[in-house]
Protein backbone atom coordinates (compact mmCIF):
# COMPACT_ATOMS: atom_id res chain seq x y z
CA MET A 1 -19.80 -1.47 4.83
CA ARG A 2 -16.09 -1.87 4.11
CA PHE A 3 -14.14 1.20 3.03
CA ASP A 4 -12.51 0.07 -0.22
CA HIS A 5 -9.09 1.29 -1.32
CA GLU A 6 -10.29 3.05 -4.48
CA HIS A 7 -12.58 5.35 -2.53
CA TRP A 8 -10.01 5.77 0.24
CA ILE A 9 -7.32 6.94 -2.18
CA GLU A 10 -9.72 9.26 -3.98
CA TRP A 11 -10.91 10.76 -0.68
CA LEU A 12 -7.31 11.46 0.35
CA ARG A 13 -6.59 13.19 -2.96
CA MET A 14 -9.66 15.42 -2.82
CA SER A 15 -10.03 16.15 0.90
CA ARG A 16 -9.41 19.66 2.20
CA VAL A 17 -10.66 19.11 5.77
CA ARG A 18 -8.85 21.28 8.34
CA GLU A 19 -5.85 22.05 6.13
CA PRO A 20 -2.74 22.19 8.35
CA ALA A 21 -0.60 25.29 8.56
CA ASN A 22 2.16 23.77 6.43
CA GLY A 23 -0.21 23.01 3.60
CA ALA A 24 -0.01 19.23 4.00
CA ILE A 25 -3.17 18.16 2.21
CA ARG A 26 -2.45 15.03 0.22
CA GLN A 27 -1.84 11.96 2.38
CA ARG A 28 1.21 9.77 2.05
CA PHE A 29 1.51 6.12 2.86
CA MET A 30 4.09 4.54 5.13
CA ILE A 31 3.82 0.81 5.67
CA PRO A 32 3.19 -1.23 7.62
CA PRO A 33 0.55 -0.51 6.56
CA ILE A 34 -0.60 3.11 6.24
CA SER A 35 0.53 6.35 7.83
CA ILE A 36 -1.52 9.51 8.06
CA ASP A 37 0.85 12.42 8.10
CA GLY A 38 -0.25 15.74 9.47
CA THR A 39 -3.74 16.18 8.08
CA ASP A 40 -6.93 16.01 10.12
CA ILE A 41 -9.14 13.36 8.45
CA THR A 42 -11.77 13.18 11.16
CA GLY A 43 -14.99 11.75 9.75
CA ALA A 44 -13.38 9.39 7.24
CA THR A 45 -13.79 5.70 7.92
CA ILE A 46 -11.87 2.53 7.21
CA ASP A 47 -13.92 -0.63 7.58
CA GLY A 48 -16.54 1.48 9.32
CA VAL A 49 -14.10 2.85 11.86
CA GLU A 50 -13.69 6.60 12.24
CA VAL A 51 -10.14 7.85 11.79
CA ASP A 52 -8.69 10.64 13.90
CA GLU A 53 -5.77 12.98 13.24
CA ILE A 54 -2.63 10.90 13.75
CA THR A 55 0.79 10.67 12.12
CA VAL A 56 2.91 7.55 12.42
CA ASP A 57 5.93 6.27 10.52
CA GLY A 58 5.63 2.62 9.53
CA THR A 59 2.66 1.97 11.85
CA ALA A 60 -1.03 1.24 11.33
CA VAL A 61 -3.27 3.75 13.08
CA PHE A 62 -7.04 3.42 13.33
CA SER A 63 -9.55 4.76 15.83
CA ALA A 64 -10.56 1.38 17.15
CA GLY A 65 -10.15 -1.13 19.93
CA PRO A 66 -8.53 -0.14 23.21
CA ASN A 67 -6.68 3.16 23.54
CA ALA A 68 -3.38 1.37 23.38
CA VAL A 69 0.17 1.28 22.16
CA PHE A 70 1.46 -2.13 21.06
CA VAL A 71 5.11 -2.92 21.66
CA GLY A 72 7.28 -5.69 20.19
CA THR A 73 10.58 -6.72 21.78
CA ARG A 74 13.71 -8.70 21.04
CA ASP A 75 12.44 -11.39 23.46
CA GLY A 76 9.36 -11.92 21.30
CA ASP A 77 6.88 -10.29 23.70
CA LEU A 78 3.96 -8.28 22.32
CA TYR A 79 2.60 -5.85 24.92
CA ALA A 80 -0.62 -3.86 24.84
CA LEU A 81 -0.21 -0.78 27.06
CA ASP A 82 -2.78 1.80 28.08
CA ILE A 83 -1.95 4.94 26.19
CA THR A 84 -2.72 7.26 29.11
CA ASP A 85 -0.47 5.78 31.79
CA GLY A 86 1.49 2.89 30.23
CA SER A 87 -0.19 0.22 32.35
CA GLN A 88 -0.20 -3.28 30.85
CA LEU A 89 -3.49 -4.37 29.27
CA TRP A 90 -2.29 -7.77 28.03
CA LEU A 91 0.80 -9.69 26.96
CA PHE A 92 1.28 -12.21 24.16
CA ASN A 93 4.54 -14.09 23.71
CA THR A 94 5.79 -15.19 20.29
CA GLY A 95 8.67 -17.60 20.19
CA ASN A 96 11.40 -15.13 19.21
CA THR A 97 12.34 -11.55 18.29
CA ILE A 98 9.74 -9.15 16.89
CA ASP A 99 11.76 -7.11 14.39
CA PRO A 100 11.35 -3.36 13.66
CA SER A 101 8.09 -2.74 11.77
CA GLY A 102 6.94 -6.20 12.75
CA ILE A 103 3.51 -5.03 13.97
CA ALA A 104 0.38 -3.81 12.18
CA VAL A 105 -3.11 -3.22 13.58
CA ASP A 106 -6.68 -2.77 12.38
CA ASP A 107 -9.96 -2.43 14.24
CA SER A 108 -10.06 -6.05 15.43
CA ALA A 109 -6.58 -7.49 15.55
CA VAL A 110 -2.86 -6.93 16.02
CA TYR A 111 -0.75 -8.69 13.34
CA VAL A 112 2.78 -9.55 14.27
CA GLY A 113 5.70 -11.32 12.63
CA SER A 114 8.32 -13.14 14.67
CA ASP A 115 11.70 -14.74 14.28
CA ASP A 116 9.99 -17.93 15.42
CA ARG A 117 8.92 -18.07 11.74
CA ASN A 118 5.26 -17.37 12.39
CA VAL A 119 2.82 -14.60 11.57
CA TYR A 120 0.18 -14.11 14.26
CA ALA A 121 -3.21 -12.42 14.42
CA ILE A 122 -3.97 -11.40 18.01
CA ASP A 123 -7.32 -10.19 19.31
CA ILE A 124 -6.89 -6.46 19.92
CA ASN A 125 -9.04 -6.44 23.06
CA ASP A 126 -7.74 -9.36 25.10
CA GLY A 127 -4.52 -10.61 23.44
CA SER A 128 -5.88 -14.05 22.56
CA GLN A 129 -4.55 -15.74 19.40
CA LEU A 130 -6.93 -15.65 16.44
CA TRP A 131 -4.65 -17.53 14.04
CA SER A 132 -1.00 -18.19 13.23
CA THR A 133 0.76 -19.14 9.99
CA PHE A 134 4.17 -20.77 9.80
CA ILE A 135 6.59 -19.10 7.37
CA GLY A 136 9.77 -20.68 6.07
CA GLN A 137 12.14 -18.36 7.93
CA ASP A 138 12.30 -15.40 10.34
CA VAL A 139 9.57 -12.84 9.62
CA THR A 140 11.15 -9.40 9.28
CA THR A 141 8.30 -7.03 8.41
CA ILE A 142 4.50 -6.84 8.31
CA ALA A 143 1.93 -4.74 6.42
CA ILE A 144 -1.84 -5.08 5.99
CA ASP A 145 -4.79 -3.87 3.99
CA ASP A 146 -8.45 -4.82 4.43
CA SER A 147 -8.02 -8.27 2.88
CA ALA A 148 -4.47 -9.49 3.46
CA VAL A 149 -1.41 -9.53 5.67
CA TYR A 150 1.86 -9.04 3.79
CA ALA A 151 4.96 -10.52 5.42
CA GLY A 152 8.60 -10.35 4.40
CA ALA A 153 10.95 -13.11 5.53
CA ASP A 154 14.57 -14.22 5.64
CA ASP A 155 13.78 -17.02 3.16
CA ASP A 156 13.79 -14.32 0.42
CA ASN A 157 10.01 -14.35 0.10
CA VAL A 158 7.11 -11.94 0.45
CA TYR A 159 3.90 -13.68 1.53
CA ALA A 160 0.29 -12.54 1.22
CA LEU A 161 -1.93 -14.19 3.84
CA ASP A 162 -5.71 -13.99 4.09
CA ILE A 163 -6.40 -11.54 6.90
CA THR A 164 -9.32 -13.60 8.25
CA ASP A 165 -7.60 -16.96 8.72
CA GLY A 166 -3.93 -16.64 7.70
CA SER A 167 -4.17 -18.95 4.70
CA GLN A 168 -1.59 -18.21 2.01
CA LEU A 169 -2.86 -16.24 -1.00
CA TRP A 170 0.44 -15.95 -2.86
CA SER A 171 4.20 -15.64 -2.42
CA PHE A 172 7.01 -14.02 -4.41
CA THR A 173 10.70 -14.86 -4.23
CA LEU A 174 13.16 -11.95 -4.29
CA GLY A 175 16.83 -12.32 -5.08
CA ASN A 176 17.74 -12.20 -1.37
CA GLN A 177 16.31 -11.58 2.09
CA VAL A 178 13.56 -9.02 2.74
CA VAL A 179 15.16 -6.39 4.96
CA SER A 180 13.09 -3.29 4.19
CA ARG A 181 9.71 -2.30 5.53
CA ILE A 182 6.75 -3.03 3.20
CA ALA A 183 4.38 -0.51 1.65
CA VAL A 184 1.04 -1.29 0.01
CA ASP A 185 -1.56 0.63 -1.97
CA ASP A 186 -4.63 -0.57 -3.86
CA SER A 187 -2.61 -2.08 -6.72
CA ALA A 188 0.83 -3.13 -5.47
CA VAL A 189 3.10 -4.25 -2.65
CA TYR A 190 6.46 -2.43 -2.49
CA VAL A 191 9.48 -4.03 -0.85
CA GLY A 192 13.28 -3.97 -0.89
CA SER A 193 15.87 -6.76 -0.84
CA SER A 194 19.30 -7.46 0.63
CA PHE A 195 22.88 -8.11 -0.48
CA GLY A 196 23.34 -9.67 -3.90
CA ASP A 197 19.94 -8.45 -5.16
CA GLU A 198 19.59 -4.89 -3.75
CA LYS A 199 16.39 -4.03 -5.58
CA VAL A 200 13.11 -2.28 -4.93
CA TYR A 201 10.17 -4.39 -6.15
CA ALA A 202 6.54 -3.59 -6.98
CA LEU A 203 4.39 -6.75 -6.83
CA ASP A 204 0.85 -7.11 -8.11
CA ILE A 205 -1.35 -7.06 -5.02
CA THR A 206 -3.75 -9.68 -6.39
CA ASN A 207 -1.28 -12.42 -7.33
CA GLY A 208 2.24 -11.33 -6.34
CA SER A 209 3.61 -11.16 -9.87
CA GLU A 210 6.40 -8.64 -10.46
CA LEU A 211 5.21 -5.36 -11.94
CA TRP A 212 8.65 -3.75 -11.95
CA SER A 213 11.95 -3.64 -10.08
CA PHE A 214 14.63 -1.02 -9.65
CA GLN A 215 18.31 -1.82 -9.09
CA THR A 216 20.07 0.17 -6.35
CA GLY A 217 23.73 -0.02 -5.42
CA GLY A 218 23.26 -1.44 -1.91
CA GLN A 219 20.83 -3.44 0.19
CA VAL A 220 17.44 -1.81 0.73
CA GLN A 221 16.47 -1.87 4.41
CA SER A 222 14.84 1.53 4.91
CA GLY A 223 11.23 2.48 5.22
CA ILE A 224 9.23 2.87 2.03
CA ALA A 225 6.77 5.71 1.46
CA ILE A 226 4.36 6.02 -1.44
CA ASP A 227 1.98 8.60 -2.86
CA ASP A 228 -0.03 8.62 -6.06
CA SER A 229 3.02 9.28 -8.24
CA ALA A 230 6.15 7.90 -6.60
CA VAL A 231 7.83 5.41 -4.29
CA TYR A 232 10.38 6.90 -1.87
CA VAL A 233 13.05 4.62 -0.47
CA GLY A 234 16.60 4.60 0.91
CA SER A 235 19.53 2.30 0.16
CA ASP A 236 22.90 1.32 1.56
CA ASP A 237 24.37 2.97 -1.55
CA ASP A 238 23.87 6.21 0.49
CA ASN A 239 20.94 7.42 -1.62
CA VAL A 240 17.31 8.36 -1.15
CA TYR A 241 15.37 7.55 -4.34
CA ALA A 242 12.07 8.70 -5.80
CA LEU A 243 10.80 6.10 -8.28
CA ASP A 244 7.89 6.40 -10.67
CA ILE A 245 5.14 4.35 -9.07
CA ASN A 246 3.93 3.03 -12.44
CA ASP A 247 7.16 1.68 -13.91
CA GLY A 248 9.92 2.08 -11.29
CA SER A 249 11.99 4.51 -13.35
CA GLU A 250 14.14 6.92 -11.33
CA LEU A 251 12.60 10.38 -10.90
CA TRP A 252 15.41 11.71 -8.73
CA SER A 253 17.99 10.64 -6.17
CA PHE A 254 19.81 12.39 -3.34
CA THR A 255 23.17 11.25 -2.00
CA THR A 256 23.77 11.39 1.75
CA GLY A 257 27.05 10.68 3.55
CA SER A 258 26.29 7.04 4.39
CA ASP A 259 23.72 4.22 4.36
CA VAL A 260 20.04 5.23 4.47
CA ARG A 261 18.28 2.74 6.79
CA SER A 262 15.74 4.90 8.62
CA GLY A 263 12.02 5.14 8.15
CA ILE A 264 10.89 7.43 5.34
CA ALA A 265 8.15 10.02 5.87
CA ILE A 266 6.56 12.36 3.35
CA ASP A 267 4.09 15.21 3.12
CA ASP A 268 3.02 17.29 0.13
CA SER A 269 6.31 19.21 0.01
CA ALA A 270 9.12 17.04 1.38
CA VAL A 271 10.64 13.62 1.93
CA TYR A 272 12.13 13.09 5.42
CA ALA A 273 14.87 10.49 5.92
CA GLY A 274 17.77 9.69 8.22
CA SER A 275 21.23 8.45 7.38
CA ASN A 276 24.16 6.74 9.05
CA ASP A 277 26.00 10.03 8.49
CA ASP A 278 24.18 11.18 11.69
CA LYS A 279 21.82 13.47 9.80
CA VAL A 280 18.09 13.88 9.30
CA TYR A 281 17.24 15.30 5.86
CA ALA A 282 14.24 17.11 4.39
CA LEU A 283 14.31 16.83 0.60
CA ASP A 284 12.09 18.59 -1.92
CA ILE A 285 9.54 15.98 -2.95
CA ASN A 286 9.54 17.21 -6.56
CA ASN A 287 13.26 17.14 -7.34
CA GLY A 288 15.15 15.77 -4.32
CA SER A 289 17.06 18.96 -3.55
CA GLU A 290 17.98 19.47 0.09
CA LEU A 291 15.63 21.77 2.00
CA TRP A 292 17.42 21.34 5.32
CA SER A 293 19.42 18.86 7.35
CA PHE A 294 19.99 18.34 11.06
CA THR A 295 23.10 16.73 12.55
CA ALA A 296 22.21 14.42 15.41
CA ASP A 297 24.36 12.68 18.03
CA GLY A 298 24.48 9.32 16.26
CA VAL A 299 23.30 7.35 13.25
CA ILE A 300 19.62 7.65 12.31
CA GLN A 301 18.10 4.18 11.88
CA SER A 302 14.82 4.69 13.72
CA GLY A 303 11.41 5.25 12.29
CA ILE A 304 10.66 8.80 11.17
CA ALA A 305 7.37 10.36 12.23
CA ILE A 306 5.93 13.73 11.27
CA ASP A 307 3.00 15.95 12.09
CA ASP A 308 2.16 19.44 10.86
CA SER A 309 4.86 21.09 12.96
CA ALA A 310 7.70 18.63 13.59
CA VAL A 311 9.81 15.70 12.42
CA TYR A 312 10.62 13.05 15.05
CA ALA A 313 13.70 10.82 14.78
CA GLY A 314 15.95 8.82 17.08
CA SER A 315 19.69 8.31 17.13
CA ALA A 316 21.85 5.32 18.02
CA PHE A 317 25.49 4.32 18.60
CA ALA A 318 26.49 7.65 20.13
CA SER A 319 27.66 8.81 23.56
CA THR A 320 24.19 10.31 24.15
CA ASP A 321 21.41 8.74 22.09
CA SER A 322 18.33 10.93 21.80
CA VAL A 323 14.88 11.40 20.38
CA HIS A 324 14.88 14.66 18.42
CA ALA A 325 11.88 16.82 17.59
CA LEU A 326 12.81 19.09 14.66
CA ASP A 327 10.94 22.05 13.24
CA ILE A 328 9.40 20.75 10.03
CA ASN A 329 10.07 24.00 8.20
CA ASN A 330 13.78 24.51 8.90
CA GLY A 331 15.11 21.51 10.87
CA SER A 332 15.96 23.43 14.01
CA GLU A 333 15.73 21.35 17.18
CA LEU A 334 12.57 21.94 19.22
CA TRP A 335 13.50 19.47 21.98
CA SER A 336 15.35 16.26 22.63
CA PHE A 337 15.05 13.40 25.10
CA SER A 338 17.83 11.00 26.05
CA PRO A 339 16.93 7.55 27.40
CA GLY A 340 19.47 5.04 28.60
CA SER A 341 20.52 3.57 25.25
CA PHE A 342 20.13 3.39 21.45
CA ILE A 343 16.91 4.43 19.72
CA ARG A 344 16.23 2.37 16.60
CA SER A 345 12.55 1.50 17.03
CA ASP A 346 9.50 2.68 15.18
CA ILE A 347 8.24 6.09 16.33
CA ALA A 348 4.56 6.93 16.70
CA VAL A 349 2.84 10.22 17.51
CA ASP A 350 -0.63 11.47 18.34
CA GLU A 351 -1.81 14.94 19.28
CA SER A 352 -0.30 14.77 22.76
CA ALA A 353 2.64 12.36 22.82
CA VAL A 354 5.55 10.77 20.99
CA TYR A 355 5.99 7.01 21.57
CA VAL A 356 9.42 5.51 21.12
CA GLY A 357 11.35 2.42 22.20
CA SER A 358 14.94 2.10 23.28
CA ASP A 359 17.65 -0.49 23.73
CA ASP A 360 17.38 0.31 27.46
CA GLN A 361 14.34 -2.06 27.28
CA LYS A 362 11.75 0.66 27.81
CA ILE A 363 9.04 2.32 25.77
CA TYR A 364 8.55 6.01 26.46
CA ALA A 365 5.59 8.35 26.05
CA LEU A 366 6.98 11.87 25.69
CA ASP A 367 5.09 15.14 25.81
CA ILE A 368 4.82 16.29 22.22
CA ASN A 369 5.37 19.94 23.17
CA ASN A 370 8.56 19.70 25.20
CA GLY A 371 9.77 16.08 25.23
CA SER A 372 9.29 15.53 28.93
CA GLU A 373 8.53 11.96 30.03
CA ILE A 374 4.82 11.27 30.55
CA TRP A 375 5.37 7.60 31.38
CA SER A 376 7.67 4.70 30.59
CA PHE A 377 7.25 0.93 30.70
CA ASP A 378 10.07 -1.55 31.23
CA THR A 379 9.61 -4.55 28.89
CA GLY A 380 12.73 -6.40 30.01
CA ALA A 381 14.08 -6.55 26.44
CA ILE A 382 15.15 -4.22 23.62
CA VAL A 383 12.11 -2.49 22.05
CA PHE A 384 12.01 -2.59 18.26
CA SER A 385 8.45 -2.34 16.99
CA ILE A 386 5.58 -0.01 17.99
CA ALA A 387 1.99 0.36 16.75
CA LEU A 388 -0.73 2.67 18.03
CA THR A 389 -4.52 2.78 18.29
CA LEU A 390 -6.70 5.59 19.63
């Protein structure tokens, strides 16, 4: 029996299973396509698959298929790596770069967008191609639900493709390129656009018609997080916004010192975002006031991941680029890890490790308690996109 979105959303609102220490009960969504942030939801199912306690920014996480981390690179390679030791399970090559947040997974397939202008569905177990669909331009971002794959592209369009065969269900033309991550819930697809348009859009999930749009003052290329009341998004106008999920009206905004291009993570009390002012921010989810901030060693353009104790973010364009684990309550640094280059990939976490890619062409699994390296894998190209299954 398929686990439909209406019951899924209601279960998340009502569940009180193993309430974390920080009180994070209600789940928040980070796409592509859904993130579970800090609450144990063991026993729930999606499409008949049991879900375990996992938090990931911008990455699909289900308890299905191989115990693997999926990695997309600038060279267009999609790797499946064993989560325990980083050994290669399989490799699929697209024709060009897999952009940040260009991967989503469910219990049967890995969905990936490429700058070769295709969206692919890849068998999760052996890496064989299930289907591919040609898009008019480079595919920048991917999200899924149980019926469709949602792809943003450089031809200014968002596409909905049937998840079973890749046939086009609908498309919507924005005022410029799709440069943000995509978020979806049971009623809408949420996406941001680039220079000259600079809007956040909510599109009807059934037909792609515009439900509402919100004008920002700069291109929107951050992550997008949603809950039952608001859409949370950053802009190159230096702001983090909370928008009413029903009509797109502004609930609050917070001004940072520079562009906001990072992933966005949320729990029941805070919105977590990074800025090109070198800071990670925790903002009160109700009014946008600053709870704490942490000054890193470079701009924050990576994904943002959280669990019940920490916020994980990566820095870039500094003398020493690092992954930072920050105390979720006050922003103090718990540990940091410095690879050989920039960190601007998605970040994924489970109960034992943090998974992050670097411009040094490696993906790292880091001990969640102290940041020590568990394993690394050299892909031979810059790592942008990461997805996880357990």
